[in-house]
PDB file of N, CA and C in Angstrom:
ATOM      1  N   MET A   1       6.899  48.907   1.625  1.00  0.00           N
ATOM      2  CA  MET A   1       6.028  47.911   1.050  1.00  0.00           C
ATOM      3  C   MET A   1       5.330  48.545  -0.144  1.00  0.00           C
ATOM      4  N   LYS A   2       5.337  47.798  -1.235  1.00  0.00           N
ATOM      5  CA  LYS A   2       4.714  48.266  -2.462  1.00  0.00           C
ATOM      6  C   LYS A   2       3.198  48.143  -2.337  1.00  0.00           C
ATOM      7  N   ARG A   3       2.514  49.161  -2.771  1.00  0.00           N
ATOM      8  CA  ARG A   3       1.041  49.131  -2.762  1.00  0.00           C
ATOM      9  C   ARG A   3       0.554  48.813  -4.155  1.00  0.00           C
ATOM     10  N   ILE A   4      -0.488  48.010  -4.213  1.00  0.00           N
ATOM     11  CA  ILE A   4      -1.093  47.686  -5.494  1.00  0.00           C
ATOM     12  C   ILE A   4      -2.590  47.912  -5.401  1.00  0.00           C
ATOM     13  N   THR A   5      -3.183  48.144  -6.530  1.00  0.00           N
ATOM     14  CA  THR A   5      -4.634  48.317  -6.598  1.00  0.00           C
ATOM     15  C   THR A   5      -5.159  47.322  -7.628  1.00  0.00           C
ATOM     16  N   PRO A   6      -5.588  46.172  -7.163  1.00  0.00           N
ATOM     17  CA  PRO A   6      -6.039  45.155  -8.116  1.00  0.00           C
ATOM     18  C   PRO A   6      -7.479  45.381  -8.554  1.00  0.00           C
ATOM     19  N   GLN A   7      -7.765  44.883  -9.728  1.00  0.00           N
ATOM     20  CA  GLN A   7      -9.138  44.814 -10.205  1.00  0.00           C
ATOM     21  C   GLN A   7      -9.591  43.384  -9.903  1.00  0.00           C
ATOM     22  N   VAL A   8     -10.687  43.225  -9.200  1.00  0.00           N
ATOM     23  CA  VAL A   8     -11.132  41.882  -8.834  1.00  0.00           C
ATOM     24  C   VAL A   8     -12.498  41.592  -9.439  1.00  0.00           C
ATOM     25  N   ARG A   9     -12.731  40.306  -9.671  1.00  0.00           N
ATOM     26  CA  ARG A   9     -14.017  39.883 -10.231  1.00  0.00           C
ATOM     27  C   ARG A   9     -15.079  39.872  -9.135  1.00  0.00           C
ATOM     28  N   ALA A  10     -16.318  39.777  -9.569  1.00  0.00           N
ATOM     29  CA  ALA A  10     -17.451  39.825  -8.641  1.00  0.00           C
ATOM     30  C   ALA A  10     -17.378  38.721  -7.590  1.00  0.00           C
ATOM     31  N   GLU A  11     -16.995  37.489  -8.020  1.00  0.00           N
ATOM     32  CA  GLU A  11     -16.939  36.395  -7.034  1.00  0.00           C
ATOM     33  C   GLU A  11     -15.846  36.635  -5.996  1.00  0.00           C
ATOM     34  N   HIS A  12     -14.788  37.376  -6.366  1.00  0.00           N
ATOM     35  CA  HIS A  12     -13.756  37.715  -5.396  1.00  0.00           C
ATOM     36  C   HIS A  12     -14.284  38.731  -4.390  1.00  0.00           C
ATOM     37  N   ILE A  13     -15.064  39.674  -4.877  1.00  0.00           N
ATOM     38  CA  ILE A  13     -15.665  40.668  -3.968  1.00  0.00           C
ATOM     39  C   ILE A  13     -16.594  39.973  -2.986  1.00  0.00           C
ATOM     40  N   GLU A  14     -17.342  38.988  -3.482  1.00  0.00           N
ATOM     41  CA  GLU A  14     -18.222  38.224  -2.593  1.00  0.00           C
ATOM     42  C   GLU A  14     -17.400  37.507  -1.517  1.00  0.00           C
ATOM     43  N   TYR A  15     -16.258  36.956  -1.905  1.00  0.00           N
ATOM     44  CA  TYR A  15     -15.415  36.250  -0.942  1.00  0.00           C
ATOM     45  C   TYR A  15     -14.815  37.240   0.066  1.00  0.00           C
ATOM     46  N   ILE A  16     -14.409  38.409  -0.406  1.00  0.00           N
ATOM     47  CA  ILE A  16     -13.892  39.449   0.505  1.00  0.00           C
ATOM     48  C   ILE A  16     -14.969  39.829   1.513  1.00  0.00           C
ATOM     49  N   ASN A  17     -16.190  40.010   1.027  1.00  0.00           N
ATOM     50  CA  ASN A  17     -17.301  40.343   1.920  1.00  0.00           C
ATOM     51  C   ASN A  17     -17.560  39.221   2.925  1.00  0.00           C
ATOM     52  N   GLU A  18     -17.412  37.978   2.473  1.00  0.00           N
ATOM     53  CA  GLU A  18     -17.614  36.822   3.357  1.00  0.00           C
ATOM     54  C   GLU A  18     -16.559  36.806   4.464  1.00  0.00           C
ATOM     55  N   VAL A  19     -15.290  37.068   4.102  1.00  0.00           N
ATOM     56  CA  VAL A  19     -14.216  37.123   5.091  1.00  0.00           C
ATOM     57  C   VAL A  19     -14.472  38.254   6.081  1.00  0.00           C
ATOM     58  N   GLN A  20     -14.935  39.390   5.594  1.00  0.00           N
ATOM     59  CA  GLN A  20     -15.225  40.526   6.479  1.00  0.00           C
ATOM     60  C   GLN A  20     -16.367  40.199   7.438  1.00  0.00           C
ATOM     61  N   SER A  21     -17.374  39.499   6.947  1.00  0.00           N
ATOM     62  CA  SER A  21     -18.515  39.189   7.815  1.00  0.00           C
ATOM     63  C   SER A  21     -18.153  38.149   8.870  1.00  0.00           C
ATOM     64  N   LYS A  22     -17.180  37.292   8.580  1.00  0.00           N
ATOM     65  CA  LYS A  22     -16.757  36.272   9.548  1.00  0.00           C
ATOM     66  C   LYS A  22     -15.746  36.809  10.555  1.00  0.00           C
ATOM     67  N   ALA A  23     -15.203  37.981  10.313  1.00  0.00           N
ATOM     68  CA  ALA A  23     -14.199  38.555  11.205  1.00  0.00           C
ATOM     69  C   ALA A  23     -14.850  38.967  12.524  1.00  0.00           C
ATOM     70  N   ASP A  24     -14.025  38.934  13.581  1.00  0.00           N
ATOM     71  CA  ASP A  24     -14.529  39.304  14.906  1.00  0.00           C
ATOM     72  C   ASP A  24     -14.920  40.769  14.993  1.00  0.00           C
ATOM     73  N   SER A  25     -14.244  41.612  14.230  1.00  0.00           N
ATOM     74  CA  SER A  25     -14.548  43.044  14.226  1.00  0.00           C
ATOM     75  C   SER A  25     -14.567  43.521  12.778  1.00  0.00           C
ATOM     76  N   ASP A  26     -14.951  44.774  12.595  1.00  0.00           N
ATOM     77  CA  ASP A  26     -14.951  45.326  11.241  1.00  0.00           C
ATOM     78  C   ASP A  26     -13.513  45.403  10.730  1.00  0.00           C
ATOM     79  N   ILE A  27     -13.309  44.878   9.534  1.00  0.00           N
ATOM     80  CA  ILE A  27     -11.976  44.954   8.928  1.00  0.00           C
ATOM     81  C   ILE A  27     -12.112  45.570   7.543  1.00  0.00           C
ATOM     82  N   SER A  28     -11.021  46.157   7.089  1.00  0.00           N
ATOM     83  CA  SER A  28     -11.029  46.814   5.784  1.00  0.00           C
ATOM     84  C   SER A  28     -10.930  45.766   4.673  1.00  0.00           C
ATOM     85  N   ASP A  29     -11.184  46.236   3.445  1.00  0.00           N
ATOM     86  CA  ASP A  29     -11.014  45.358   2.292  1.00  0.00           C
ATOM     87  C   ASP A  29      -9.572  44.855   2.220  1.00  0.00           C
ATOM     88  N   ALA A  30      -8.634  45.740   2.485  1.00  0.00           N
ATOM     89  CA  ALA A  30      -7.215  45.377   2.423  1.00  0.00           C
ATOM     90  C   ALA A  30      -6.887  44.294   3.455  1.00  0.00           C
ATOM     91  N   GLU A  31      -7.417  44.436   4.663  1.00  0.00           N
ATOM     92  CA  GLU A  31      -7.169  43.424   5.694  1.00  0.00           C
ATOM     93  C   GLU A  31      -7.810  42.095   5.303  1.00  0.00           C
ATOM     94  N   ALA A  32      -8.996  42.127   4.736  1.00  0.00           N
ATOM     95  CA  ALA A  32      -9.661  40.899   4.281  1.00  0.00           C
ATOM     96  C   ALA A  32      -8.816  40.214   3.213  1.00  0.00           C
ATOM     97  N   ILE A  33      -8.272  40.988   2.294  1.00  0.00           N
ATOM     98  CA  ILE A  33      -7.426  40.427   1.233  1.00  0.00           C
ATOM     99  C   ILE A  33      -6.141  39.841   1.833  1.00  0.00           C
ATOM    100  N   ARG A  34      -5.547  40.550   2.820  1.00  0.00           N
ATOM    101  CA  ARG A  34      -4.351  40.010   3.486  1.00  0.00           C
ATOM    102  C   ARG A  34      -4.674  38.668   4.147  1.00  0.00           C
ATOM    103  N   ARG A  35      -5.804  38.575   4.791  1.00  0.00           N
ATOM    104  CA  ARG A  35      -6.204  37.313   5.440  1.00  0.00           C
ATOM    105  C   ARG A  35      -6.413  36.197   4.395  1.00  0.00           C
ATOM    106  N   ILE A  36      -6.980  36.575   3.259  1.00  0.00           N
ATOM    107  CA  ILE A  36      -7.169  35.589   2.180  1.00  0.00           C
ATOM    108  C   ILE A  36      -5.815  35.079   1.701  1.00  0.00           C
ATOM    109  N   PHE A  37      -4.862  35.996   1.509  1.00  0.00           N
ATOM    110  CA  PHE A  37      -3.518  35.592   1.090  1.00  0.00           C
ATOM    111  C   PHE A  37      -2.850  34.723   2.156  1.00  0.00           C
ATOM    112  N   ASP A  38      -2.980  35.127   3.419  1.00  0.00           N
ATOM    113  CA  ASP A  38      -2.376  34.342   4.503  1.00  0.00           C
ATOM    114  C   ASP A  38      -2.945  32.923   4.527  1.00  0.00           C
ATOM    115  N   ARG A  39      -4.242  32.829   4.356  1.00  0.00           N
ATOM    116  CA  ARG A  39      -4.892  31.508   4.341  1.00  0.00           C
ATOM    117  C   ARG A  39      -4.425  30.689   3.139  1.00  0.00           C
ATOM    118  N   ALA A  40      -4.273  31.313   1.991  1.00  0.00           N
ATOM    119  CA  ALA A  40      -3.803  30.611   0.800  1.00  0.00           C
ATOM    120  C   ALA A  40      -2.378  30.086   1.009  1.00  0.00           C
ATOM    121  N   ILE A  41      -1.522  30.897   1.626  1.00  0.00           N
ATOM    122  CA  ILE A  41      -0.148  30.476   1.903  1.00  0.00           C
ATOM    123  C   ILE A  41      -0.151  29.303   2.883  1.00  0.00           C
ATOM    124  N   GLN A  42      -0.989  29.394   3.902  1.00  0.00           N
ATOM    125  CA  GLN A  42      -1.097  28.316   4.886  1.00  0.00           C
ATOM    126  C   GLN A  42      -1.584  27.023   4.213  1.00  0.00           C
ATOM    127  N   CYS A  43      -2.563  27.128   3.345  1.00  0.00           N
ATOM    128  CA  CYS A  43      -3.085  25.959   2.636  1.00  0.00           C
ATOM    129  C   CYS A  43      -2.018  25.353   1.728  1.00  0.00           C
ATOM    130  N   GLU A  44      -1.244  26.207   1.083  1.00  0.00           N
ATOM    131  CA  GLU A  44      -0.176  25.714   0.202  1.00  0.00           C
ATOM    132  C   GLU A  44       0.857  24.928   1.008  1.00  0.00           C
ATOM    133  N   SER A  45       1.190  25.444   2.182  1.00  0.00           N
ATOM    134  CA  SER A  45       2.149  24.762   3.049  1.00  0.00           C
ATOM    135  C   SER A  45       1.595  23.418   3.511  1.00  0.00           C
ATOM    136  N   GLN A  46       0.330  23.412   3.901  1.00  0.00           N
ATOM    137  CA  GLN A  46      -0.301  22.161   4.327  1.00  0.00           C
ATOM    138  C   GLN A  46      -0.364  21.162   3.178  1.00  0.00           C
ATOM    139  N   THR A  47      -0.626  21.649   1.981  1.00  0.00           N
ATOM    140  CA  THR A  47      -0.674  20.777   0.805  1.00  0.00           C
ATOM    141  C   THR A  47       0.683  20.135   0.571  1.00  0.00           C
ATOM    142  N   GLU A  48       1.749  20.909   0.670  1.00  0.00           N
ATOM    143  CA  GLU A  48       3.100  20.373   0.488  1.00  0.00           C
ATOM    144  C   GLU A  48       3.401  19.311   1.541  1.00  0.00           C
ATOM    145  N   GLN A  49       3.015  19.571   2.785  1.00  0.00           N
ATOM    146  CA  GLN A  49       3.250  18.613   3.864  1.00  0.00           C
ATOM    147  C   GLN A  49       2.457  17.326   3.616  1.00  0.00           C
ATOM    148  N   LEU A  50       1.202  17.457   3.208  1.00  0.00           N
ATOM    149  CA  LEU A  50       0.379  16.281   2.943  1.00  0.00           C
ATOM    150  C   LEU A  50       0.904  15.486   1.748  1.00  0.00           C
ATOM    151  N   GLU A  51       1.387  16.179   0.729  1.00  0.00           N
ATOM    152  CA  GLU A  51       1.980  15.487  -0.419  1.00  0.00           C
ATOM    153  C   GLU A  51       3.220  14.709   0.005  1.00  0.00           C
ATOM    154  N   SER A  52       4.023  15.286   0.871  1.00  0.00           N
ATOM    155  CA  SER A  52       5.211  14.606   1.380  1.00  0.00           C
ATOM    156  C   SER A  52       4.802  13.365   2.174  1.00  0.00           C
ATOM    157  N   GLU A  53       3.812  13.495   3.043  1.00  0.00           N
ATOM    158  CA  GLU A  53       3.321  12.355   3.824  1.00  0.00           C
ATOM    159  C   GLU A  53       2.753  11.282   2.906  1.00  0.00           C
ATOM    160  N   LEU A  54       2.056  11.690   1.859  1.00  0.00           N
ATOM    161  CA  LEU A  54       1.502  10.738   0.894  1.00  0.00           C
ATOM    162  C   LEU A  54       2.620   9.981   0.183  1.00  0.00           C
ATOM    163  N   ASN A  55       3.670  10.691  -0.222  1.00  0.00           N
ATOM    164  CA  ASN A  55       4.805  10.039  -0.882  1.00  0.00           C
ATOM    165  C   ASN A  55       5.460   9.017   0.037  1.00  0.00           C
ATOM    166  N   HIS A  56       5.618   9.377   1.326  1.00  0.00           N
ATOM    167  CA  HIS A  56       6.195   8.444   2.290  1.00  0.00           C
ATOM    168  C   HIS A  56       5.278   7.226   2.467  1.00  0.00           C
ATOM    169  N   ALA A  57       3.983   7.461   2.535  1.00  0.00           N
ATOM    170  CA  ALA A  57       3.028   6.361   2.705  1.00  0.00           C
ATOM    171  C   ALA A  57       3.043   5.434   1.480  1.00  0.00           C
ATOM    172  N   GLU A  58       3.115   6.014   0.295  1.00  0.00           N
ATOM    173  CA  GLU A  58       3.164   5.194  -0.926  1.00  0.00           C
ATOM    174  C   GLU A  58       4.452   4.371  -0.975  1.00  0.00           C
ATOM    175  N   ALA A  59       5.561   4.963  -0.545  1.00  0.00           N
ATOM    176  CA  ALA A  59       6.824   4.224  -0.505  1.00  0.00           C
ATOM    177  C   ALA A  59       6.731   3.074   0.493  1.00  0.00           C
ATOM    178  N   ARG A  60       6.104   3.317   1.620  1.00  0.00           N
ATOM    179  CA  ARG A  60       5.919   2.269   2.645  1.00  0.00           C
ATOM    180  C   ARG A  60       5.020   1.152   2.106  1.00  0.00           C
ATOM    181  N   ILE A  61       3.988   1.516   1.381  1.00  0.00           N
ATOM    182  CA  ILE A  61       3.096   0.514   0.776  1.00  0.00           C
ATOM    183  C   ILE A  61       3.882  -0.353  -0.202  1.00  0.00           C
ATOM    184  N   ASP A  62       4.699   0.276  -1.044  1.00  0.00           N
ATOM    185  CA  ASP A  62       5.527  -0.477  -1.998  1.00  0.00           C
ATOM    186  C   ASP A  62       6.460  -1.440  -1.262  1.00  0.00           C
ATOM    187  N   GLU A  63       7.070  -0.953  -0.190  1.00  0.00           N
ATOM    188  CA  GLU A  63       7.985  -1.786   0.598  1.00  0.00           C
ATOM    189  C   GLU A  63       7.243  -2.978   1.207  1.00  0.00           C
ATOM    190  N   LEU A  64       6.075  -2.723   1.769  1.00  0.00           N
ATOM    191  CA  LEU A  64       5.293  -3.799   2.388  1.00  0.00           C
ATOM    192  C   LEU A  64       4.786  -4.796   1.348  1.00  0.00           C
ATOM    193  N   GLN A  65       4.419  -4.309   0.165  1.00  0.00           N
ATOM    194  CA  GLN A  65       3.984  -5.215  -0.892  1.00  0.00           C
ATOM    195  C   GLN A  65       5.129  -6.123  -1.328  1.00  0.00           C
ATOM    196  N   SER A  66       6.326  -5.569  -1.422  1.00  0.00           N
ATOM    197  CA  SER A  66       7.496  -6.375  -1.779  1.00  0.00           C
ATOM    198  C   SER A  66       7.758  -7.444  -0.721  1.00  0.00           C
ATOM    199  N   LYS A  67       7.649  -7.063   0.549  1.00  0.00           N
ATOM    200  CA  LYS A  67       7.835  -8.029   1.632  1.00  0.00           C
ATOM    201  C   LYS A  67       6.750  -9.104   1.598  1.00  0.00           C
ATOM    202  N   LEU A  68       5.530  -8.707   1.290  1.00  0.00           N
ATOM    203  CA  LEU A  68       4.431  -9.669   1.210  1.00  0.00           C
ATOM    204  C   LEU A  68       4.666 -10.664   0.084  1.00  0.00           C
ATOM    205  N   ILE A  69       5.118 -10.179  -1.057  1.00  0.00           N
ATOM    206  CA  ILE A  69       5.411 -11.060  -2.190  1.00  0.00           C
ATOM    207  C   ILE A  69       6.517 -12.038  -1.816  1.00  0.00           C
ATOM    208  N   ALA A  70       7.587 -11.537  -1.189  1.00  0.00           N
ATOM    209  CA  ALA A  70       8.703 -12.400  -0.787  1.00  0.00           C
ATOM    210  C   ALA A  70       8.232 -13.446   0.224  1.00  0.00           C
ATOM    211  N   THR A  71       7.407 -13.041   1.169  1.00  0.00           N
ATOM    212  CA  THR A  71       6.896 -13.967   2.177  1.00  0.00           C
ATOM    213  C   THR A  71       5.997 -15.020   1.538  1.00  0.00           C
ATOM    214  N   THR A  72       5.156 -14.606   0.609  1.00  0.00           N
ATOM    215  CA  THR A  72       4.279 -15.544  -0.086  1.00  0.00           C
ATOM    216  C   THR A  72       5.096 -16.565  -0.870  1.00  0.00           C
ATOM    217  N   GLU A  73       6.159 -16.110  -1.514  1.00  0.00           N
ATOM    218  CA  GLU A  73       7.031 -17.025  -2.254  1.00  0.00           C
ATOM    219  C   GLU A  73       7.692 -18.029  -1.313  1.00  0.00           C
ATOM    220  N   LYS A  74       8.123 -17.558  -0.127  1.00  0.00           N
ATOM    221  CA  LYS A  74       8.718 -18.469   0.850  1.00  0.00           C
ATOM    222  C   LYS A  74       7.693 -19.491   1.335  1.00  0.00           C
ATOM    223  N   ILE A  75       6.484 -19.052   1.575  1.00  0.00           N
ATOM    224  CA  ILE A  75       5.426 -19.961   2.026  1.00  0.00           C
ATOM    225  C   ILE A  75       5.136 -20.997   0.946  1.00  0.00           C
ATOM    226  N   ASP A  76       5.052 -20.563  -0.302  1.00  0.00           N
ATOM    227  CA  ASP A  76       4.807 -21.499  -1.407  1.00  0.00           C
ATOM    228  C   ASP A  76       5.936 -22.528  -1.495  1.00  0.00           C
ATOM    229  N   ALA A  77       7.182 -22.078  -1.355  1.00  0.00           N
ATOM    230  CA  ALA A  77       8.321 -22.999  -1.403  1.00  0.00           C
ATOM    231  C   ALA A  77       8.262 -23.973  -0.232  1.00  0.00           C
ATOM    232  N   SER A  78       7.906 -23.477   0.945  1.00  0.00           N
ATOM    233  CA  SER A  78       7.784 -24.344   2.120  1.00  0.00           C
ATOM    234  C   SER A  78       6.678 -25.366   1.929  1.00  0.00           C
ATOM    235  N   ASN A  79       5.558 -24.936   1.389  1.00  0.00           N
ATOM    236  CA  ASN A  79       4.452 -25.864   1.144  1.00  0.00           C
ATOM    237  C   ASN A  79       4.856 -26.942   0.145  1.00  0.00           C
ATOM    238  N   GLU A  80       5.627 -26.572  -0.855  1.00  0.00           N
ATOM    239  CA  GLU A  80       6.106 -27.551  -1.834  1.00  0.00           C
ATOM    240  C   GLU A  80       7.035 -28.562  -1.165  1.00  0.00           C
ATOM    241  N   LEU A  81       7.918 -28.074  -0.291  1.00  0.00           N
ATOM    242  CA  LEU A  81       8.802 -28.982   0.444  1.00  0.00           C
ATOM    243  C   LEU A  81       8.006 -29.930   1.334  1.00  0.00           C
ATOM    244  N   VAL A  82       6.996 -29.416   1.993  1.00  0.00           N
ATOM    245  CA  VAL A  82       6.139 -30.256   2.839  1.00  0.00           C
ATOM    246  C   VAL A  82       5.490 -31.345   1.994  1.00  0.00           C
ATOM    247  N   LYS A  83       5.012 -30.992   0.825  1.00  0.00           N
ATOM    248  CA  LYS A  83       4.367 -31.977  -0.061  1.00  0.00           C
ATOM    249  C   LYS A  83       5.364 -33.053  -0.475  1.00  0.00           C
ATOM    250  N   VAL A  84       6.582 -32.652  -0.831  1.00  0.00           N
ATOM    251  CA  VAL A  84       7.606 -33.619  -1.221  1.00  0.00           C
ATOM    252  C   VAL A  84       7.918 -34.565  -0.059  1.00  0.00           C
ATOM    253  N   VAL A  85       8.066 -34.026   1.140  1.00  0.00           N
ATOM    254  CA  VAL A  85       8.362 -34.850   2.318  1.00  0.00           C
ATOM    255  C   VAL A  85       7.202 -35.797   2.605  1.00  0.00           C
ATOM    256  N   GLU A  86       5.974 -35.296   2.532  1.00  0.00           N
ATOM    257  CA  GLU A  86       4.808 -36.158   2.777  1.00  0.00           C
ATOM    258  C   GLU A  86       4.743 -37.282   1.749  1.00  0.00           C
ATOM    259  N   ASP A  87       5.015 -36.962   0.475  1.00  0.00           N
ATOM    260  CA  ASP A  87       5.018 -37.996  -0.567  1.00  0.00           C
ATOM    261  C   ASP A  87       6.093 -39.040  -0.284  1.00  0.00           C
ATOM    262  N   GLU A  88       7.278 -38.595   0.115  1.00  0.00           N
ATOM    263  CA  GLU A  88       8.371 -39.522   0.414  1.00  0.00           C
ATOM    264  C   GLU A  88       8.012 -40.402   1.608  1.00  0.00           C
ATOM    265  N   GLN A  89       7.418 -39.810   2.632  1.00  0.00           N
ATOM    266  CA  GLN A  89       7.006 -40.594   3.802  1.00  0.00           C
ATOM    267  C   GLN A  89       5.945 -41.624   3.418  1.00  0.00           C
ATOM    268  N   SER A  90       5.044 -41.237   2.537  1.00  0.00           N
ATOM    269  CA  SER A  90       4.005 -42.165   2.077  1.00  0.00           C
ATOM    270  C   SER A  90       4.633 -43.337   1.325  1.00  0.00           C
ATOM    271  N   LEU A  91       5.620 -43.047   0.471  1.00  0.00           N
ATOM    272  CA  LEU A  91       6.312 -44.119  -0.249  1.00  0.00           C
ATOM    273  C   LEU A  91       7.048 -45.049   0.710  1.00  0.00           C
ATOM    274  N   GLN A  92       7.723 -44.456   1.694  1.00  0.00           N
ATOM    275  CA  GLN A  92       8.448 -45.273   2.664  1.00  0.00           C
ATOM    276  C   GLN A  92       7.479 -46.156   3.457  1.00  0.00           C
ATOM    277  N   LYS A  93       6.338 -45.609   3.809  1.00  0.00           N
ATOM    278  CA  LYS A  93       5.328 -46.380   4.539  1.00  0.00           C
ATOM    279  C   LYS A  93       4.807 -47.519   3.661  1.00  0.00           C
ATOM    280  N   GLN A  94       4.556 -47.207   2.387  1.00  0.00           N
ATOM    281  CA  GLN A  94       4.068 -48.218   1.454  1.00  0.00           C
ATOM    282  C   GLN A  94       5.113 -49.327   1.285  1.00  0.00           C
ATOM    283  N   ARG A  95       6.389 -48.951   1.182  1.00  0.00           N
ATOM    284  CA  ARG A  95       7.460 -49.945   1.061  1.00  0.00           C
ATOM    285  C   ARG A  95       7.539 -50.810   2.317  1.00  0.00           C
ATOM    286  N   ALA A  96       7.420 -50.147   3.469  1.00  0.00           N
ATOM    287  CA  ALA A  96       7.537 -50.884   4.734  1.00  0.00           C
ATOM    288  C   ALA A  96       6.394 -51.890   4.908  1.00  0.00           C
ATOM    289  N   GLN A  97       5.217 -51.571   4.394  1.00  0.00           N
ATOM    290  CA  GLN A  97       4.059 -52.447   4.557  1.00  0.00           C
ATOM    291  C   GLN A  97       4.001 -53.537   3.489  1.00  0.00           C
ATOM    292  N   ALA A  98       4.769 -53.386   2.420  1.00  0.00           N
ATOM    293  CA  ALA A  98       4.723 -54.355   1.326  1.00  0.00           C
ATOM    294  C   ALA A  98       5.483 -55.623   1.715  1.00  0.00           C
ATOM    295  N   GLY A  99       5.008 -56.741   1.192  1.00  0.00           N
ATOM    296  CA  GLY A  99       5.685 -58.009   1.431  1.00  0.00           C
ATOM    297  C   GLY A  99       6.944 -58.111   0.589  1.00  0.00           C
ATOM    298  N   ILE A 100       7.734 -59.147   0.852  1.00  0.00           N
ATOM    299  CA  ILE A 100       9.009 -59.310   0.166  1.00  0.00           C
ATOM    300  C   ILE A 100       8.823 -59.537  -1.326  1.00  0.00           C
ATOM    301  N   MET A 101       7.780 -60.242  -1.718  1.00  0.00           N
ATOM    302  CA  MET A 101       7.533 -60.503  -3.137  1.00  0.00           C
ATOM    303  C   MET A 101       7.152 -59.202  -3.851  1.00  0.00           C
ATOM    304  N   THR A 102       6.335 -58.401  -3.206  1.00  0.00           N
ATOM    305  CA  THR A 102       5.923 -57.122  -3.796  1.00  0.00           C
ATOM    306  C   THR A 102       7.135 -56.206  -3.953  1.00  0.00           C
ATOM    307  N   ARG A 103       7.980 -56.162  -2.944  1.00  0.00           N
ATOM    308  CA  ARG A 103       9.181 -55.323  -3.019  1.00  0.00           C
ATOM    309  C   ARG A 103      10.130 -55.801  -4.113  1.00  0.00           C
ATOM    310  N   ALA A 104      10.230 -57.115  -4.283  1.00  0.00           N
ATOM    311  CA  ALA A 104      11.084 -57.655  -5.344  1.00  0.00           C
ATOM    312  C   ALA A 104      10.526 -57.270  -6.716  1.00  0.00           C
ATOM    313  N   LYS A 105       9.204 -57.355  -6.835  1.00  0.00           N
ATOM    314  CA  LYS A 105       8.555 -56.945  -8.092  1.00  0.00           C
ATOM    315  C   LYS A 105       8.820 -55.461  -8.359  1.00  0.00           C
ATOM    316  N   TRP A 106       8.688 -54.638  -7.335  1.00  0.00           N
ATOM    317  CA  TRP A 106       8.926 -53.209  -7.498  1.00  0.00           C
ATOM    318  C   TRP A 106      10.388 -52.928  -7.848  1.00  0.00           C
ATOM    319  N   TRP A 107      11.300 -53.763  -7.299  1.00  0.00           N
ATOM    320  CA  TRP A 107      12.718 -53.569  -7.577  1.00  0.00           C
ATOM    321  C   TRP A 107      12.993 -53.819  -9.053  1.00  0.00           C
ATOM    322  N   LEU A 108      12.275 -54.772  -9.640  1.00  0.00           N
ATOM    323  CA  LEU A 108      12.464 -55.096 -11.047  1.00  0.00           C
ATOM    324  C   LEU A 108      11.701 -54.133 -11.962  1.00  0.00           C
ATOM    325  N   THR A 109      10.462 -53.855 -11.643  1.00  0.00           N
ATOM    326  CA  THR A 109       9.603 -53.078 -12.550  1.00  0.00           C
ATOM    327  C   THR A 109       9.423 -51.627 -12.110  1.00  0.00           C
ATOM    328  N   GLY A 110       9.798 -51.328 -10.950  1.00  0.00           N
ATOM    329  CA  GLY A 110       9.571 -49.981 -10.421  1.00  0.00           C
ATOM    330  C   GLY A 110       8.267 -49.936  -9.637  1.00  0.00           C
ATOM    331  N   MET A 111       8.233 -49.056  -8.721  1.00  0.00           N
ATOM    332  CA  MET A 111       7.070 -48.916  -7.857  1.00  0.00           C
ATOM    333  C   MET A 111       5.984 -48.139  -8.608  1.00  0.00           C
ATOM    334  N   PRO A 112       4.742 -48.610  -8.528  1.00  0.00           N
ATOM    335  CA  PRO A 112       3.678 -47.864  -9.210  1.00  0.00           C
ATOM    336  C   PRO A 112       3.479 -46.488  -8.565  1.00  0.00           C
ATOM    337  N   SER A 113       3.150 -45.506  -9.398  1.00  0.00           N
ATOM    338  CA  SER A 113       2.919 -44.167  -8.869  1.00  0.00           C
ATOM    339  C   SER A 113       1.482 -44.031  -8.381  1.00  0.00           C
ATOM    340  N   LYS A 114       1.216 -42.970  -7.624  1.00  0.00           N
ATOM    341  CA  LYS A 114      -0.122 -42.740  -7.063  1.00  0.00           C
ATOM    342  C   LYS A 114      -1.159 -42.522  -8.169  1.00  0.00           C
ATOM    343  N   GLU A 115      -0.746 -41.926  -9.284  1.00  0.00           N
ATOM    344  CA  GLU A 115      -1.697 -41.562 -10.340  1.00  0.00           C
ATOM    345  C   GLU A 115      -2.321 -42.771 -11.000  1.00  0.00           C
ATOM    346  N   GLN A 116      -1.672 -43.950 -10.934  1.00  0.00           N
ATOM    347  CA  GLN A 116      -2.177 -45.136 -11.624  1.00  0.00           C
ATOM    348  C   GLN A 116      -3.312 -45.761 -10.877  1.00  0.00           C
TER     349      GLN A 116
END
């Protein structure tokens, strides 16, 4: 194993001292630095895993949004069909209730629309 002697900044020395003070027993500077590296590697691995989970969650959100849009479009189309059927039923009811003279007039001039 290659040995190195790094020059560290003051805030790094403070962190090394913090790791040493949190240790169950007295540990050397080298052991504190090894623990810092081990923790950094562990955090990097966790970050990669969380990023992967986030990507999967975002893909699932996109999929669900697409399904929601498709479902909303189907509901809108169904509601439009219901409106058309209700309008047709209303016309049929109006025709059925009209007298023969009124129906003859409508046959010649057309049936008045609801908007009039």
